[in-house]
N, C-alpha and C. Protein backbone atom coordinates (compact mmCIF):
# COMPACT_ATOMS: atom_id res chain seq x y z
N UNK A 1 -25.40 -1.77 -12.93
CA UNK A 1 -23.99 -1.19 -12.96
C UNK A 1 -23.58 -0.95 -11.46
N UNK A 2 -22.37 -1.37 -11.17
CA UNK A 2 -21.85 -1.10 -9.83
C UNK A 2 -21.28 0.36 -9.75
N UNK A 3 -20.97 0.73 -8.47
CA UNK A 3 -20.41 2.15 -8.26
C UNK A 3 -19.01 2.39 -8.80
N UNK A 4 -18.29 1.34 -9.30
CA UNK A 4 -17.08 1.54 -9.85
C UNK A 4 -15.89 1.62 -8.80
N UNK A 5 -14.66 1.64 -9.28
CA UNK A 5 -13.54 1.63 -8.33
C UNK A 5 -13.34 3.04 -7.79
N UNK A 6 -12.70 2.93 -6.57
CA UNK A 6 -12.27 4.20 -5.96
C UNK A 6 -10.79 4.25 -6.08
N UNK A 7 -10.31 5.37 -6.54
CA UNK A 7 -8.87 5.48 -6.90
C UNK A 7 -8.21 6.54 -5.97
N UNK A 8 -7.02 6.20 -5.41
CA UNK A 8 -6.32 7.11 -4.63
C UNK A 8 -4.98 7.23 -5.23
N UNK A 9 -4.36 8.40 -5.31
CA UNK A 9 -2.93 8.76 -5.75
C UNK A 9 -2.20 9.01 -4.55
N UNK A 10 -1.08 8.22 -4.36
CA UNK A 10 -0.30 8.51 -3.16
C UNK A 10 1.13 9.03 -3.74
N UNK A 11 1.62 10.16 -3.38
CA UNK A 11 2.91 10.68 -3.80
C UNK A 11 3.91 10.28 -2.71
N UNK A 12 5.09 9.74 -3.05
CA UNK A 12 6.12 9.28 -2.18
C UNK A 12 7.36 10.22 -2.20
N UNK A 13 7.77 10.69 -1.09
CA UNK A 13 8.97 11.53 -0.94
C UNK A 13 9.48 11.30 0.32
N UNK A 14 10.58 10.29 0.55
CA UNK A 14 11.06 9.98 1.79
C UNK A 14 12.51 9.61 1.72
N UNK A 15 13.05 9.31 2.75
CA UNK A 15 14.44 8.74 2.85
C UNK A 15 14.40 7.34 3.44
N UNK A 16 15.10 6.35 2.76
CA UNK A 16 15.13 5.02 3.31
C UNK A 16 16.58 4.53 3.25
N UNK A 17 17.12 4.20 4.42
CA UNK A 17 18.46 3.77 4.56
C UNK A 17 19.46 4.91 3.99
N UNK A 18 19.03 6.18 4.28
CA UNK A 18 19.86 7.27 3.90
C UNK A 18 19.76 7.60 2.40
N UNK A 19 18.91 6.99 1.59
CA UNK A 19 18.73 7.36 0.17
C UNK A 19 17.29 7.93 -0.02
N UNK A 20 17.24 8.99 -0.97
CA UNK A 20 16.03 9.57 -1.20
C UNK A 20 15.07 8.54 -2.14
N UNK A 21 13.81 8.50 -1.80
CA UNK A 21 12.87 7.73 -2.53
C UNK A 21 11.83 8.60 -2.92
N UNK A 22 11.46 8.75 -4.33
CA UNK A 22 10.35 9.44 -4.79
C UNK A 22 9.67 8.57 -5.82
N UNK A 23 8.36 8.81 -5.73
CA UNK A 23 7.55 8.01 -6.73
C UNK A 23 6.10 8.31 -6.47
N UNK A 24 5.26 7.41 -7.16
CA UNK A 24 3.82 7.59 -7.08
C UNK A 24 3.09 6.21 -7.02
N UNK A 25 2.06 6.14 -6.36
CA UNK A 25 1.32 4.93 -6.26
C UNK A 25 -0.12 5.19 -6.64
N UNK A 26 -0.69 4.32 -7.46
CA UNK A 26 -2.05 4.43 -7.73
C UNK A 26 -2.78 3.25 -7.08
N UNK A 27 -3.70 3.51 -6.32
CA UNK A 27 -4.40 2.50 -5.43
C UNK A 27 -5.87 2.48 -5.80
N UNK A 28 -6.50 1.38 -5.91
CA UNK A 28 -7.93 1.24 -5.99
C UNK A 28 -8.32 -0.23 -6.34
N UNK A 29 -9.57 -0.35 -6.46
CA UNK A 29 -10.12 -1.67 -6.80
C UNK A 29 -9.85 -1.99 -8.17
N UNK A 30 -9.46 -3.14 -8.51
CA UNK A 30 -9.27 -3.58 -9.95
C UNK A 30 -10.63 -3.78 -10.59
N UNK A 31 -10.65 -3.42 -11.94
CA UNK A 31 -11.83 -3.66 -12.74
C UNK A 31 -11.45 -3.91 -14.11
N UNK A 32 -11.07 -5.09 -14.41
CA UNK A 32 -10.64 -5.40 -15.78
C UNK A 32 -11.71 -5.02 -16.78
N UNK A 33 -11.33 -4.77 -18.06
CA UNK A 33 -12.30 -4.34 -19.04
C UNK A 33 -13.51 -5.32 -19.14
N UNK A 34 -14.72 -4.90 -19.09
CA UNK A 34 -15.86 -5.73 -19.32
C UNK A 34 -16.29 -6.55 -18.08
N UNK A 35 -15.56 -6.36 -16.95
CA UNK A 35 -15.88 -7.18 -15.74
C UNK A 35 -16.31 -6.21 -14.57
N UNK A 36 -16.94 -6.83 -13.63
CA UNK A 36 -17.30 -5.93 -12.51
C UNK A 36 -16.07 -5.59 -11.67
N UNK A 37 -16.27 -4.57 -10.83
CA UNK A 37 -15.21 -4.20 -9.93
C UNK A 37 -14.82 -5.31 -8.92
N UNK A 38 -13.65 -5.57 -8.78
CA UNK A 38 -13.15 -6.65 -7.79
C UNK A 38 -13.15 -6.17 -6.35
N UNK A 39 -13.22 -7.18 -5.47
CA UNK A 39 -13.35 -6.76 -4.02
C UNK A 39 -11.99 -6.32 -3.44
N UNK A 40 -10.83 -6.78 -3.96
CA UNK A 40 -9.57 -6.36 -3.44
C UNK A 40 -9.11 -4.95 -3.77
N UNK A 41 -8.46 -4.34 -2.96
CA UNK A 41 -7.86 -3.05 -3.24
C UNK A 41 -6.32 -3.24 -3.58
N UNK A 42 -5.91 -3.01 -4.78
CA UNK A 42 -4.59 -3.26 -5.15
C UNK A 42 -3.90 -1.92 -5.62
N UNK A 43 -2.60 -1.97 -5.82
CA UNK A 43 -1.87 -0.77 -6.27
C UNK A 43 -0.69 -1.21 -7.10
N UNK A 44 -0.26 -0.22 -7.82
CA UNK A 44 1.09 -0.25 -8.49
C UNK A 44 1.75 1.13 -8.16
N UNK A 45 3.05 0.79 -7.75
CA UNK A 45 3.92 1.83 -7.35
C UNK A 45 5.01 2.00 -8.45
N UNK A 46 5.26 3.27 -8.73
CA UNK A 46 6.28 3.66 -9.80
C UNK A 46 7.20 4.60 -9.13
N UNK A 47 8.56 4.29 -9.15
CA UNK A 47 9.52 5.08 -8.59
C UNK A 47 10.32 5.90 -9.63
N UNK A 48 11.08 6.88 -9.19
CA UNK A 48 11.70 7.85 -10.16
C UNK A 48 12.81 7.24 -10.93
N UNK A 49 13.18 6.00 -10.64
CA UNK A 49 14.24 5.44 -11.47
C UNK A 49 13.74 4.22 -12.25
N UNK A 50 12.39 4.03 -12.23
CA UNK A 50 11.88 3.06 -13.21
C UNK A 50 11.29 1.75 -12.64
N UNK A 51 11.51 1.58 -11.31
CA UNK A 51 11.06 0.34 -10.71
C UNK A 51 9.47 0.38 -10.58
N UNK A 52 8.80 -0.67 -10.52
CA UNK A 52 7.39 -0.84 -10.29
C UNK A 52 7.23 -2.00 -9.28
N UNK A 53 6.26 -1.79 -8.36
CA UNK A 53 5.87 -2.72 -7.35
C UNK A 53 4.35 -2.77 -7.25
N UNK A 54 3.89 -4.09 -7.07
CA UNK A 54 2.45 -4.18 -6.90
C UNK A 54 2.13 -4.62 -5.46
N UNK A 55 0.97 -4.24 -4.97
CA UNK A 55 0.60 -4.45 -3.64
C UNK A 55 -0.94 -4.82 -3.47
N UNK A 56 -1.37 -5.41 -2.50
CA UNK A 56 -2.76 -5.62 -2.14
C UNK A 56 -3.01 -5.27 -0.73
N UNK A 57 -4.10 -4.38 -0.59
CA UNK A 57 -4.44 -3.74 0.73
C UNK A 57 -5.60 -4.39 1.33
N UNK A 58 -5.53 -4.45 2.75
CA UNK A 58 -6.69 -4.87 3.48
C UNK A 58 -6.84 -4.10 4.85
N UNK A 59 -8.03 -3.56 5.06
CA UNK A 59 -8.30 -2.83 6.16
C UNK A 59 -9.35 -3.55 6.98
N UNK A 60 -9.00 -4.00 8.26
CA UNK A 60 -9.92 -4.66 9.13
C UNK A 60 -9.91 -3.81 10.38
N UNK A 61 -11.02 -3.20 10.81
CA UNK A 61 -11.00 -2.30 11.88
C UNK A 61 -9.97 -1.12 11.76
N UNK A 62 -9.12 -1.11 12.59
CA UNK A 62 -8.05 -0.03 12.61
C UNK A 62 -6.75 -0.55 12.19
N UNK A 63 -6.77 -1.91 11.66
CA UNK A 63 -5.52 -2.53 11.27
C UNK A 63 -5.36 -2.55 9.71
N UNK A 64 -4.23 -2.02 9.19
CA UNK A 64 -4.02 -1.95 7.80
C UNK A 64 -2.95 -2.95 7.45
N UNK A 65 -3.20 -3.88 6.49
CA UNK A 65 -2.24 -4.89 6.02
C UNK A 65 -1.99 -4.52 4.51
N UNK A 66 -0.62 -4.42 4.14
CA UNK A 66 -0.32 -4.26 2.85
C UNK A 66 0.63 -5.32 2.41
N UNK A 67 0.25 -6.31 1.46
CA UNK A 67 1.09 -7.37 1.04
C UNK A 67 1.80 -6.87 -0.26
N UNK A 68 3.10 -7.30 -0.17
CA UNK A 68 3.89 -7.03 -1.44
C UNK A 68 3.69 -8.12 -2.42
N UNK A 69 3.15 -7.72 -3.60
CA UNK A 69 2.74 -8.76 -4.52
C UNK A 69 1.36 -9.16 -4.23
N UNK A 70 1.18 -10.49 -4.09
CA UNK A 70 -0.26 -11.09 -3.88
C UNK A 70 -0.65 -11.16 -2.45
N UNK A 71 -1.96 -11.15 -2.18
CA UNK A 71 -2.49 -11.26 -0.90
C UNK A 71 -1.82 -12.53 -0.16
N UNK A 72 -1.60 -12.40 1.06
CA UNK A 72 -0.99 -13.36 1.85
C UNK A 72 0.60 -13.65 1.54
N UNK A 73 1.16 -12.69 0.82
CA UNK A 73 2.55 -12.84 0.61
C UNK A 73 3.46 -12.73 1.91
N UNK A 74 4.58 -13.47 2.01
CA UNK A 74 5.34 -13.43 3.16
C UNK A 74 5.94 -11.99 3.36
N UNK A 75 5.98 -11.08 2.49
CA UNK A 75 6.44 -9.74 2.60
C UNK A 75 5.22 -8.86 2.70
N UNK A 76 5.04 -8.12 3.90
CA UNK A 76 3.83 -7.42 4.20
C UNK A 76 4.20 -6.28 5.19
N UNK A 77 3.28 -5.33 5.18
CA UNK A 77 3.33 -4.29 6.22
C UNK A 77 2.00 -4.43 6.98
N UNK A 78 2.15 -4.32 8.34
CA UNK A 78 0.95 -4.36 9.18
C UNK A 78 1.06 -3.18 10.20
N UNK A 79 0.07 -2.36 10.15
CA UNK A 79 -0.03 -1.18 11.01
C UNK A 79 -1.34 -0.88 11.66
N UNK A 80 -1.44 -0.01 12.63
CA UNK A 80 -2.56 0.32 13.28
C UNK A 80 -2.77 1.79 13.25
N UNK A 81 -4.03 2.33 12.80
CA UNK A 81 -4.38 3.67 12.82
C UNK A 81 -4.58 4.26 14.29
N UNK A 82 -4.22 5.54 14.38
CA UNK A 82 -4.50 6.17 15.57
C UNK A 82 -5.94 6.55 15.71
N UNK A 83 -6.52 7.05 16.90
CA UNK A 83 -7.85 7.28 17.15
C UNK A 83 -8.37 8.25 16.16
N UNK A 84 -7.58 9.33 15.69
CA UNK A 84 -8.06 10.24 14.80
C UNK A 84 -8.13 9.75 13.30
N UNK A 85 -7.45 8.64 13.05
CA UNK A 85 -7.46 8.02 11.74
C UNK A 85 -6.51 8.70 10.77
N UNK A 86 -5.64 9.55 11.36
CA UNK A 86 -4.61 10.31 10.48
C UNK A 86 -3.29 9.67 10.36
N UNK A 87 -2.91 8.81 11.31
CA UNK A 87 -1.52 8.26 11.35
C UNK A 87 -1.67 6.77 11.56
N UNK A 88 -0.87 6.03 10.75
CA UNK A 88 -0.83 4.55 10.96
C UNK A 88 0.71 4.19 11.18
N UNK A 89 0.86 3.43 12.28
CA UNK A 89 2.18 2.99 12.68
C UNK A 89 2.33 1.50 12.58
N UNK A 90 3.36 1.06 12.02
CA UNK A 90 3.58 -0.41 11.90
C UNK A 90 4.92 -0.80 11.48
N UNK A 91 4.93 -1.99 10.77
CA UNK A 91 6.31 -2.48 10.45
C UNK A 91 6.22 -3.28 9.16
N UNK A 92 7.12 -3.20 8.24
CA UNK A 92 7.23 -4.05 7.05
C UNK A 92 8.01 -5.22 7.52
N UNK A 93 7.56 -6.41 7.09
CA UNK A 93 8.12 -7.73 7.45
C UNK A 93 8.56 -8.34 6.12
N UNK A 94 9.91 -8.91 6.09
CA UNK A 94 10.34 -9.51 4.87
C UNK A 94 10.75 -11.03 5.16
N UNK A 95 10.44 -11.88 4.21
CA UNK A 95 10.89 -13.24 4.36
C UNK A 95 12.39 -13.38 4.76
N UNK A 96 12.61 -14.25 5.63
CA UNK A 96 13.98 -14.47 6.04
C UNK A 96 14.51 -13.37 7.09
N UNK A 97 13.67 -12.68 7.59
CA UNK A 97 14.03 -11.60 8.56
C UNK A 97 14.14 -10.23 7.89
N UNK A 98 14.48 -9.24 8.64
CA UNK A 98 14.53 -7.86 8.15
C UNK A 98 13.16 -7.14 8.20
N UNK A 99 13.21 -6.11 7.56
CA UNK A 99 12.00 -5.16 7.56
C UNK A 99 12.40 -3.90 8.26
N UNK A 100 11.39 -3.06 8.35
CA UNK A 100 11.60 -1.83 9.07
C UNK A 100 10.27 -1.24 9.64
N UNK A 101 10.34 -0.43 10.60
CA UNK A 101 9.22 0.34 11.21
C UNK A 101 8.91 1.47 10.32
N UNK A 102 7.59 1.76 10.25
CA UNK A 102 7.13 2.84 9.30
C UNK A 102 5.95 3.59 10.01
N UNK A 103 5.90 4.86 9.95
CA UNK A 103 4.69 5.67 10.35
C UNK A 103 4.42 6.50 9.20
N UNK A 104 3.10 6.46 8.80
CA UNK A 104 2.56 7.16 7.71
C UNK A 104 1.50 8.19 8.24
N UNK A 105 1.57 9.31 7.80
CA UNK A 105 0.66 10.45 8.29
C UNK A 105 -0.10 11.13 7.04
N UNK A 106 -1.37 11.20 7.19
CA UNK A 106 -2.06 11.92 6.19
C UNK A 106 -1.76 13.38 6.19
N UNK A 107 -1.45 14.10 5.15
CA UNK A 107 -1.23 15.51 5.12
C UNK A 107 -2.17 16.23 4.18
């Protein structure tokens, strides 16, 4: 028997383009019923108006990549953790241009 998935709950309360955004994201390794825990860290985000979004995470060294949808998606976030490991600064990239800078801090 493996160690099982690690689960993180992330609560979101921010402003984006002047609009409030609240929601919750459940992050962890997928483990379908009767199967071993998978290697990828995935998540589902639920916002306060009923939208859901799926993501796949990858951490290599101090660089965090979050793909919107499937791994290697053209929509992704890439950021770097600070030396203390409490803040990651990067940018969301969207197909066809656009995106935005983002700084996340553990509280």
